[in-house]
Amino acid sequence: MVKDCVFCHLELEPKQRVILSNEHCLFLQLEQFDQKGVQLEGAGLIVPRKHRKTVFDLTREEWDATYSLLKDVKTYLDEKHQPQGYNLGWNSGEVGGQHIFHSHFHVIPRYEDEALAGKGIRYLFKGKENKRNVRER
C-alpha cells in the first residue's frame, strides 16, 4: 500500500464508494456519478486491491478478477442506469493520461442523449488538434 494513494486508502477520497468487489479488485464510484442524468452517470473504476502502478503490473489473477467484476458491474449498471453503450479503458503512463499511479480501469456508461453519443474512445485522438509533430529520429 502506498500511503497517499486514494485507491489504497479509500478514506482519502470521502465521496468515493465501493459498489461491488471480489477477492482481488473493487468497483469504485464517486457519489455524484450515481445520480440520473448527470454527465458520466454510472461511471466508475475497477481497481486492484493491491497497489499496482499500471495495468501492465497486474497479475494473472488480478486480470481474471477484473474481467469477472466487469461482468458484475455491467449487470449492475444495466439494471440501475440502462445505458445504451459503454466505453472501457485503461490510461497507462503519464503520456497515456494516467494521473493516479494505481492501475484503474474506467467503466463509462454511454447514453443516446449525450452530445458525443456515437463517438468512441478514438474520437479524441483522431482530431487535427492531436496531429503529431514528427521529427526524424
N, C-alpha and C. Protein backbone atom coordinates (compact mmCIF):
# COMPACT_ATOMS: atom_id res chain seq x y z
N MET A 1 0.84 -1.19 0.00
CA MET A 1 0.00 0.00 0.00
C MET A 1 0.88 1.25 0.00
N VAL A 2 0.45 2.21 -0.77
CA VAL A 2 1.16 3.48 -0.85
C VAL A 2 0.39 4.48 0.00
N LYS A 3 1.09 5.17 0.88
CA LYS A 3 0.40 5.96 1.92
C LYS A 3 -0.50 7.08 1.41
N ASP A 4 -0.19 7.71 0.28
CA ASP A 4 -1.03 8.81 -0.20
C ASP A 4 -1.88 8.43 -1.42
N CYS A 5 -2.06 7.14 -1.66
CA CYS A 5 -2.83 6.65 -2.80
C CYS A 5 -4.32 6.56 -2.43
N VAL A 6 -5.18 7.22 -3.23
CA VAL A 6 -6.62 7.23 -2.95
C VAL A 6 -7.29 5.88 -3.22
N PHE A 7 -6.59 4.97 -3.90
CA PHE A 7 -7.16 3.64 -4.13
C PHE A 7 -6.63 2.63 -3.12
N CYS A 8 -5.50 2.91 -2.51
CA CYS A 8 -5.01 2.07 -1.41
C CYS A 8 -5.69 2.45 -0.10
N HIS A 9 -5.99 3.74 0.05
CA HIS A 9 -6.62 4.28 1.26
C HIS A 9 -7.89 5.03 0.84
N LEU A 10 -8.97 4.29 0.75
CA LEU A 10 -10.21 4.86 0.21
C LEU A 10 -10.70 6.07 0.99
N GLU A 11 -10.36 6.15 2.26
CA GLU A 11 -10.81 7.27 3.09
C GLU A 11 -10.22 8.61 2.63
N LEU A 12 -9.18 8.60 1.81
CA LEU A 12 -8.60 9.84 1.30
C LEU A 12 -9.52 10.55 0.31
N GLU A 13 -10.47 9.84 -0.25
CA GLU A 13 -11.48 10.45 -1.14
C GLU A 13 -12.84 10.12 -0.56
N PRO A 14 -13.36 10.99 0.32
CA PRO A 14 -14.61 10.68 1.04
C PRO A 14 -15.85 10.50 0.16
N LYS A 15 -15.83 11.00 -1.08
CA LYS A 15 -17.00 10.86 -1.95
C LYS A 15 -16.97 9.58 -2.78
N GLN A 16 -15.93 8.77 -2.61
CA GLN A 16 -15.80 7.54 -3.38
C GLN A 16 -16.38 6.38 -2.56
N ARG A 17 -17.13 5.53 -3.26
CA ARG A 17 -17.77 4.39 -2.59
C ARG A 17 -17.45 3.10 -3.31
N VAL A 18 -17.35 2.04 -2.53
CA VAL A 18 -17.20 0.70 -3.10
C VAL A 18 -18.61 0.22 -3.43
N ILE A 19 -18.85 -0.06 -4.71
CA ILE A 19 -20.17 -0.52 -5.15
C ILE A 19 -20.20 -2.04 -5.22
N LEU A 20 -19.16 -2.63 -5.78
CA LEU A 20 -19.04 -4.09 -5.90
C LEU A 20 -17.57 -4.46 -5.67
N SER A 21 -17.33 -5.71 -5.31
CA SER A 21 -15.95 -6.14 -5.11
C SER A 21 -15.84 -7.65 -5.23
N ASN A 22 -14.59 -8.09 -5.36
CA ASN A 22 -14.28 -9.52 -5.27
C ASN A 22 -12.94 -9.65 -4.57
N GLU A 23 -12.36 -10.82 -4.60
CA GLU A 23 -11.14 -11.08 -3.84
C GLU A 23 -9.98 -10.16 -4.22
N HIS A 24 -9.88 -9.80 -5.49
CA HIS A 24 -8.71 -9.06 -5.97
C HIS A 24 -8.98 -7.61 -6.38
N CYS A 25 -10.24 -7.22 -6.55
CA CYS A 25 -10.47 -5.85 -7.00
C CYS A 25 -11.80 -5.28 -6.52
N LEU A 26 -11.92 -3.96 -6.71
CA LEU A 26 -13.08 -3.19 -6.28
C LEU A 26 -13.64 -2.40 -7.45
N PHE A 27 -14.95 -2.19 -7.45
CA PHE A 27 -15.55 -1.22 -8.37
C PHE A 27 -15.90 -0.01 -7.53
N LEU A 28 -15.26 1.12 -7.83
CA LEU A 28 -15.44 2.36 -7.09
C LEU A 28 -16.21 3.36 -7.94
N GLN A 29 -17.01 4.17 -7.24
CA GLN A 29 -17.78 5.19 -7.93
C GLN A 29 -17.85 6.42 -7.04
N LEU A 30 -17.63 7.59 -7.63
CA LEU A 30 -17.84 8.83 -6.90
C LEU A 30 -19.34 9.05 -6.76
N GLU A 31 -19.77 9.52 -5.62
CA GLU A 31 -21.22 9.60 -5.35
C GLU A 31 -21.98 10.44 -6.36
N GLN A 32 -21.35 11.47 -6.95
CA GLN A 32 -22.07 12.31 -7.92
C GLN A 32 -22.42 11.56 -9.20
N PHE A 33 -21.71 10.48 -9.51
CA PHE A 33 -21.98 9.74 -10.74
C PHE A 33 -23.11 8.73 -10.58
N ASP A 34 -23.65 8.62 -9.39
CA ASP A 34 -24.77 7.72 -9.15
C ASP A 34 -26.11 8.37 -9.48
N GLN A 35 -26.11 9.67 -9.74
CA GLN A 35 -27.35 10.40 -10.00
C GLN A 35 -27.78 10.29 -11.46
N LYS A 36 -29.08 10.17 -11.66
CA LYS A 36 -29.64 10.10 -13.01
C LYS A 36 -29.45 11.42 -13.75
N GLY A 37 -29.05 11.31 -15.02
CA GLY A 37 -28.99 12.47 -15.89
C GLY A 37 -27.72 13.30 -15.82
N VAL A 38 -26.81 13.00 -14.88
CA VAL A 38 -25.58 13.78 -14.79
C VAL A 38 -24.59 13.33 -15.84
N GLN A 39 -23.66 14.21 -16.17
CA GLN A 39 -22.57 13.82 -17.05
C GLN A 39 -21.79 12.70 -16.36
N LEU A 40 -21.45 11.65 -17.09
CA LEU A 40 -20.77 10.46 -16.58
C LEU A 40 -21.64 9.64 -15.62
N GLU A 41 -22.96 9.69 -15.82
CA GLU A 41 -23.87 8.89 -15.00
C GLU A 41 -23.44 7.42 -14.99
N GLY A 42 -23.27 6.87 -13.80
CA GLY A 42 -22.94 5.46 -13.63
C GLY A 42 -21.46 5.13 -13.76
N ALA A 43 -20.63 6.10 -14.15
CA ALA A 43 -19.21 5.82 -14.37
C ALA A 43 -18.50 5.43 -13.09
N GLY A 44 -17.50 4.58 -13.25
CA GLY A 44 -16.70 4.17 -12.10
C GLY A 44 -15.41 3.52 -12.56
N LEU A 45 -14.67 3.00 -11.60
CA LEU A 45 -13.35 2.42 -11.84
C LEU A 45 -13.25 1.06 -11.20
N ILE A 46 -12.61 0.14 -11.89
CA ILE A 46 -12.23 -1.13 -11.28
C ILE A 46 -10.75 -1.02 -10.95
N VAL A 47 -10.41 -1.21 -9.69
CA VAL A 47 -9.03 -1.09 -9.22
C VAL A 47 -8.61 -2.37 -8.51
N PRO A 48 -7.34 -2.75 -8.65
CA PRO A 48 -6.87 -3.89 -7.87
C PRO A 48 -6.76 -3.50 -6.39
N ARG A 49 -7.01 -4.44 -5.50
CA ARG A 49 -6.87 -4.17 -4.07
C ARG A 49 -5.42 -3.86 -3.71
N LYS A 50 -4.49 -4.55 -4.35
CA LYS A 50 -3.07 -4.30 -4.10
C LYS A 50 -2.60 -3.19 -5.03
N HIS A 51 -1.66 -2.40 -4.54
CA HIS A 51 -1.15 -1.30 -5.35
C HIS A 51 -0.36 -1.85 -6.53
N ARG A 52 -0.83 -1.54 -7.72
CA ARG A 52 -0.15 -1.87 -8.96
C ARG A 52 -0.07 -0.56 -9.74
N LYS A 53 1.13 -0.15 -10.09
CA LYS A 53 1.32 1.16 -10.71
C LYS A 53 0.56 1.32 -12.02
N THR A 54 0.67 0.33 -12.91
CA THR A 54 -0.03 0.41 -14.19
C THR A 54 -0.72 -0.92 -14.48
N VAL A 55 -1.53 -0.93 -15.51
CA VAL A 55 -2.23 -2.14 -15.93
C VAL A 55 -1.23 -3.25 -16.25
N PHE A 56 -0.05 -2.89 -16.69
CA PHE A 56 0.95 -3.88 -17.06
C PHE A 56 1.56 -4.59 -15.86
N ASP A 57 1.26 -4.10 -14.67
CA ASP A 57 1.77 -4.71 -13.44
C ASP A 57 0.79 -5.68 -12.80
N LEU A 58 -0.40 -5.82 -13.37
CA LEU A 58 -1.40 -6.74 -12.80
C LEU A 58 -0.94 -8.19 -12.93
N THR A 59 -1.30 -8.98 -11.93
CA THR A 59 -1.05 -10.42 -12.01
C THR A 59 -2.14 -11.07 -12.85
N ARG A 60 -1.95 -12.30 -13.24
CA ARG A 60 -2.97 -13.03 -13.99
C ARG A 60 -4.27 -13.12 -13.18
N GLU A 61 -4.13 -13.35 -11.88
CA GLU A 61 -5.31 -13.44 -11.01
C GLU A 61 -6.07 -12.12 -10.99
N GLU A 62 -5.33 -11.00 -10.97
CA GLU A 62 -5.99 -9.68 -10.97
C GLU A 62 -6.66 -9.40 -12.31
N TRP A 63 -6.05 -9.83 -13.41
CA TRP A 63 -6.70 -9.70 -14.73
C TRP A 63 -8.01 -10.47 -14.74
N ASP A 64 -7.95 -11.72 -14.30
CA ASP A 64 -9.15 -12.55 -14.29
C ASP A 64 -10.23 -11.97 -13.38
N ALA A 65 -9.81 -11.45 -12.23
CA ALA A 65 -10.76 -10.85 -11.29
C ALA A 65 -11.36 -9.57 -11.86
N THR A 66 -10.57 -8.81 -12.60
CA THR A 66 -11.08 -7.60 -13.25
C THR A 66 -12.16 -7.96 -14.25
N TYR A 67 -11.90 -8.97 -15.06
CA TYR A 67 -12.88 -9.43 -16.05
C TYR A 67 -14.16 -9.89 -15.36
N SER A 68 -14.00 -10.69 -14.32
CA SER A 68 -15.17 -11.20 -13.60
C SER A 68 -15.98 -10.07 -12.98
N LEU A 69 -15.30 -9.12 -12.36
CA LEU A 69 -16.00 -7.99 -11.75
C LEU A 69 -16.65 -7.11 -12.82
N LEU A 70 -16.00 -6.96 -13.97
CA LEU A 70 -16.59 -6.17 -15.06
C LEU A 70 -17.95 -6.74 -15.48
N LYS A 71 -18.07 -8.05 -15.54
CA LYS A 71 -19.35 -8.66 -15.88
C LYS A 71 -20.42 -8.29 -14.84
N ASP A 72 -20.05 -8.33 -13.56
CA ASP A 72 -20.98 -7.96 -12.48
C ASP A 72 -21.32 -6.47 -12.54
N VAL A 73 -20.33 -5.66 -12.83
CA VAL A 73 -20.54 -4.21 -12.94
C VAL A 73 -21.52 -3.91 -14.07
N LYS A 74 -21.35 -4.57 -15.20
CA LYS A 74 -22.26 -4.35 -16.33
C LYS A 74 -23.69 -4.71 -15.95
N THR A 75 -23.88 -5.81 -15.29
CA THR A 75 -25.22 -6.21 -14.85
C THR A 75 -25.80 -5.14 -13.92
N TYR A 76 -25.01 -4.68 -12.98
CA TYR A 76 -25.44 -3.65 -12.03
C TYR A 76 -25.82 -2.36 -12.76
N LEU A 77 -24.94 -1.89 -13.64
CA LEU A 77 -25.19 -0.63 -14.35
C LEU A 77 -26.36 -0.75 -15.33
N ASP A 78 -26.47 -1.88 -16.01
CA ASP A 78 -27.60 -2.09 -16.92
C ASP A 78 -28.93 -2.00 -16.16
N GLU A 79 -28.98 -2.60 -14.99
CA GLU A 79 -30.22 -2.57 -14.20
C GLU A 79 -30.49 -1.20 -13.61
N LYS A 80 -29.46 -0.54 -13.09
CA LYS A 80 -29.67 0.73 -12.38
C LYS A 80 -29.77 1.94 -13.31
N HIS A 81 -28.97 1.96 -14.40
CA HIS A 81 -28.89 3.17 -15.22
C HIS A 81 -29.35 2.99 -16.67
N GLN A 82 -29.50 1.77 -17.15
CA GLN A 82 -29.94 1.47 -18.53
C GLN A 82 -29.18 2.25 -19.61
N PRO A 83 -27.83 2.18 -19.63
CA PRO A 83 -27.10 2.86 -20.70
C PRO A 83 -27.32 2.16 -22.04
N GLN A 84 -27.06 2.89 -23.11
CA GLN A 84 -27.19 2.30 -24.45
C GLN A 84 -25.84 1.81 -24.99
N GLY A 85 -24.76 2.07 -24.28
CA GLY A 85 -23.43 1.63 -24.70
C GLY A 85 -22.43 1.85 -23.57
N TYR A 86 -21.20 1.51 -23.84
CA TYR A 86 -20.12 1.66 -22.85
C TYR A 86 -18.83 2.05 -23.54
N ASN A 87 -17.99 2.79 -22.84
CA ASN A 87 -16.58 2.94 -23.17
C ASN A 87 -15.82 2.34 -22.00
N LEU A 88 -14.81 1.56 -22.32
CA LEU A 88 -14.00 0.89 -21.31
C LEU A 88 -12.55 1.19 -21.61
N GLY A 89 -11.75 1.46 -20.59
CA GLY A 89 -10.35 1.72 -20.91
C GLY A 89 -9.42 1.94 -19.75
N TRP A 90 -8.16 1.74 -20.07
CA TRP A 90 -7.05 1.97 -19.15
C TRP A 90 -6.25 3.16 -19.69
N ASN A 91 -5.82 4.05 -18.83
CA ASN A 91 -4.80 5.03 -19.16
C ASN A 91 -3.53 4.51 -18.49
N SER A 92 -2.45 4.44 -19.23
CA SER A 92 -1.22 3.90 -18.68
C SER A 92 -0.05 4.83 -18.96
N GLY A 93 0.59 5.29 -17.91
CA GLY A 93 1.71 6.22 -18.02
C GLY A 93 1.24 7.65 -18.16
N GLU A 94 2.11 8.57 -17.84
CA GLU A 94 1.76 9.99 -17.86
C GLU A 94 1.31 10.45 -19.25
N VAL A 95 2.03 10.06 -20.30
CA VAL A 95 1.66 10.46 -21.66
C VAL A 95 0.35 9.80 -22.08
N GLY A 96 0.06 8.64 -21.52
CA GLY A 96 -1.19 7.95 -21.81
C GLY A 96 -2.37 8.50 -21.01
N GLY A 97 -2.16 9.53 -20.21
CA GLY A 97 -3.24 10.18 -19.48
C GLY A 97 -3.46 9.66 -18.07
N GLN A 98 -2.58 8.81 -17.57
CA GLN A 98 -2.74 8.30 -16.20
C GLN A 98 -2.29 9.38 -15.23
N HIS A 99 -3.18 9.75 -14.30
CA HIS A 99 -2.89 10.79 -13.32
C HIS A 99 -2.76 10.24 -11.91
N ILE A 100 -3.37 9.10 -11.66
CA ILE A 100 -3.23 8.41 -10.38
C ILE A 100 -2.49 7.13 -10.69
N PHE A 101 -1.33 6.96 -10.10
CA PHE A 101 -0.48 5.83 -10.45
C PHE A 101 -0.74 4.61 -9.58
N HIS A 102 -2.01 4.23 -9.59
CA HIS A 102 -2.53 2.95 -9.10
C HIS A 102 -3.44 2.52 -10.24
N SER A 103 -3.13 1.42 -10.85
CA SER A 103 -3.87 0.96 -12.02
C SER A 103 -5.38 1.07 -11.79
N HIS A 104 -6.09 1.58 -12.78
CA HIS A 104 -7.55 1.68 -12.67
C HIS A 104 -8.17 1.59 -14.07
N PHE A 105 -9.24 0.83 -14.14
CA PHE A 105 -9.95 0.52 -15.38
C PHE A 105 -11.25 1.31 -15.40
N HIS A 106 -11.37 2.22 -16.36
CA HIS A 106 -12.56 3.08 -16.47
C HIS A 106 -13.73 2.32 -17.08
N VAL A 107 -14.87 2.40 -16.44
CA VAL A 107 -16.12 1.85 -16.96
C VAL A 107 -17.06 3.04 -17.09
N ILE A 108 -17.33 3.41 -18.35
CA ILE A 108 -18.11 4.63 -18.60
C ILE A 108 -19.36 4.28 -19.41
N PRO A 109 -20.52 4.27 -18.75
CA PRO A 109 -21.77 4.05 -19.49
C PRO A 109 -22.02 5.23 -20.44
N ARG A 110 -22.63 4.94 -21.59
CA ARG A 110 -22.92 5.97 -22.58
C ARG A 110 -24.42 5.98 -22.88
N TYR A 111 -24.93 7.17 -23.19
CA TYR A 111 -26.36 7.38 -23.37
C TYR A 111 -26.62 8.08 -24.70
N GLU A 112 -27.71 7.72 -25.34
CA GLU A 112 -28.03 8.25 -26.66
C GLU A 112 -28.32 9.75 -26.66
N ASP A 113 -28.65 10.34 -25.51
CA ASP A 113 -28.93 11.77 -25.47
C ASP A 113 -27.69 12.63 -25.16
N GLU A 114 -26.50 12.03 -25.14
CA GLU A 114 -25.26 12.78 -24.92
C GLU A 114 -24.89 13.54 -26.20
N ALA A 115 -24.25 14.68 -26.03
CA ALA A 115 -23.77 15.44 -27.19
C ALA A 115 -22.77 14.64 -28.01
N LEU A 116 -21.97 13.79 -27.38
CA LEU A 116 -20.97 13.00 -28.09
C LEU A 116 -21.39 11.54 -28.26
N ALA A 117 -22.68 11.28 -28.23
CA ALA A 117 -23.16 9.91 -28.47
C ALA A 117 -22.65 9.44 -29.83
N GLY A 118 -22.20 8.22 -29.88
CA GLY A 118 -21.67 7.67 -31.11
C GLY A 118 -20.18 7.91 -31.31
N LYS A 119 -19.58 8.71 -30.46
CA LYS A 119 -18.14 8.97 -30.54
C LYS A 119 -17.45 8.03 -29.56
N GLY A 120 -16.53 7.24 -30.06
CA GLY A 120 -15.82 6.28 -29.22
C GLY A 120 -14.53 6.83 -28.68
N ILE A 121 -13.74 5.95 -28.10
CA ILE A 121 -12.52 6.39 -27.43
C ILE A 121 -11.47 6.94 -28.40
N ARG A 122 -11.53 6.58 -29.65
CA ARG A 122 -10.56 7.10 -30.61
C ARG A 122 -10.92 8.50 -31.10
N TYR A 123 -12.14 8.94 -30.90
CA TYR A 123 -12.60 10.24 -31.40
C TYR A 123 -11.66 11.37 -31.00
N LEU A 124 -11.26 11.39 -29.74
CA LEU A 124 -10.39 12.43 -29.21
C LEU A 124 -9.04 12.45 -29.93
N PHE A 125 -8.53 11.29 -30.27
CA PHE A 125 -7.18 11.18 -30.82
C PHE A 125 -7.12 11.41 -32.33
N LYS A 126 -8.24 11.34 -33.02
CA LYS A 126 -8.26 11.46 -34.48
C LYS A 126 -8.35 12.90 -34.96
N GLY A 127 -8.62 13.84 -34.07
CA GLY A 127 -8.79 15.23 -34.47
C GLY A 127 -7.50 15.91 -34.88
N LYS A 128 -7.63 16.98 -35.66
CA LYS A 128 -6.46 17.74 -36.13
C LYS A 128 -5.62 18.26 -34.98
N GLU A 129 -6.26 18.58 -33.87
CA GLU A 129 -5.53 19.13 -32.73
C GLU A 129 -4.58 18.12 -32.08
N ASN A 130 -4.71 16.85 -32.45
CA ASN A 130 -3.83 15.81 -31.90
C ASN A 130 -2.78 15.35 -32.92
N LYS A 131 -2.63 16.09 -34.01
CA LYS A 131 -1.64 15.70 -35.03
C LYS A 131 -0.24 15.79 -34.43
N ARG A 132 0.53 14.76 -34.68
CA ARG A 132 1.88 14.69 -34.14
C ARG A 132 2.84 15.57 -34.91
N ASN A 133 3.80 16.10 -34.21
CA ASN A 133 4.90 16.84 -34.80
C ASN A 133 6.05 15.86 -34.94
N VAL A 134 6.04 15.08 -36.02
CA VAL A 134 7.01 14.00 -36.20
C VAL A 134 8.35 14.58 -36.65
N ARG A 135 9.37 14.16 -35.95
CA ARG A 135 10.74 14.55 -36.30
C ARG A 135 11.51 13.32 -36.68
N GLU A 136 12.51 13.50 -37.49
CA GLU A 136 13.37 12.36 -37.84
C GLU A 136 14.10 11.91 -36.60
N ARG A 137 14.22 10.60 -36.47
CA ARG A 137 14.92 10.06 -35.30
C ARG A 137 16.28 9.59 -35.65
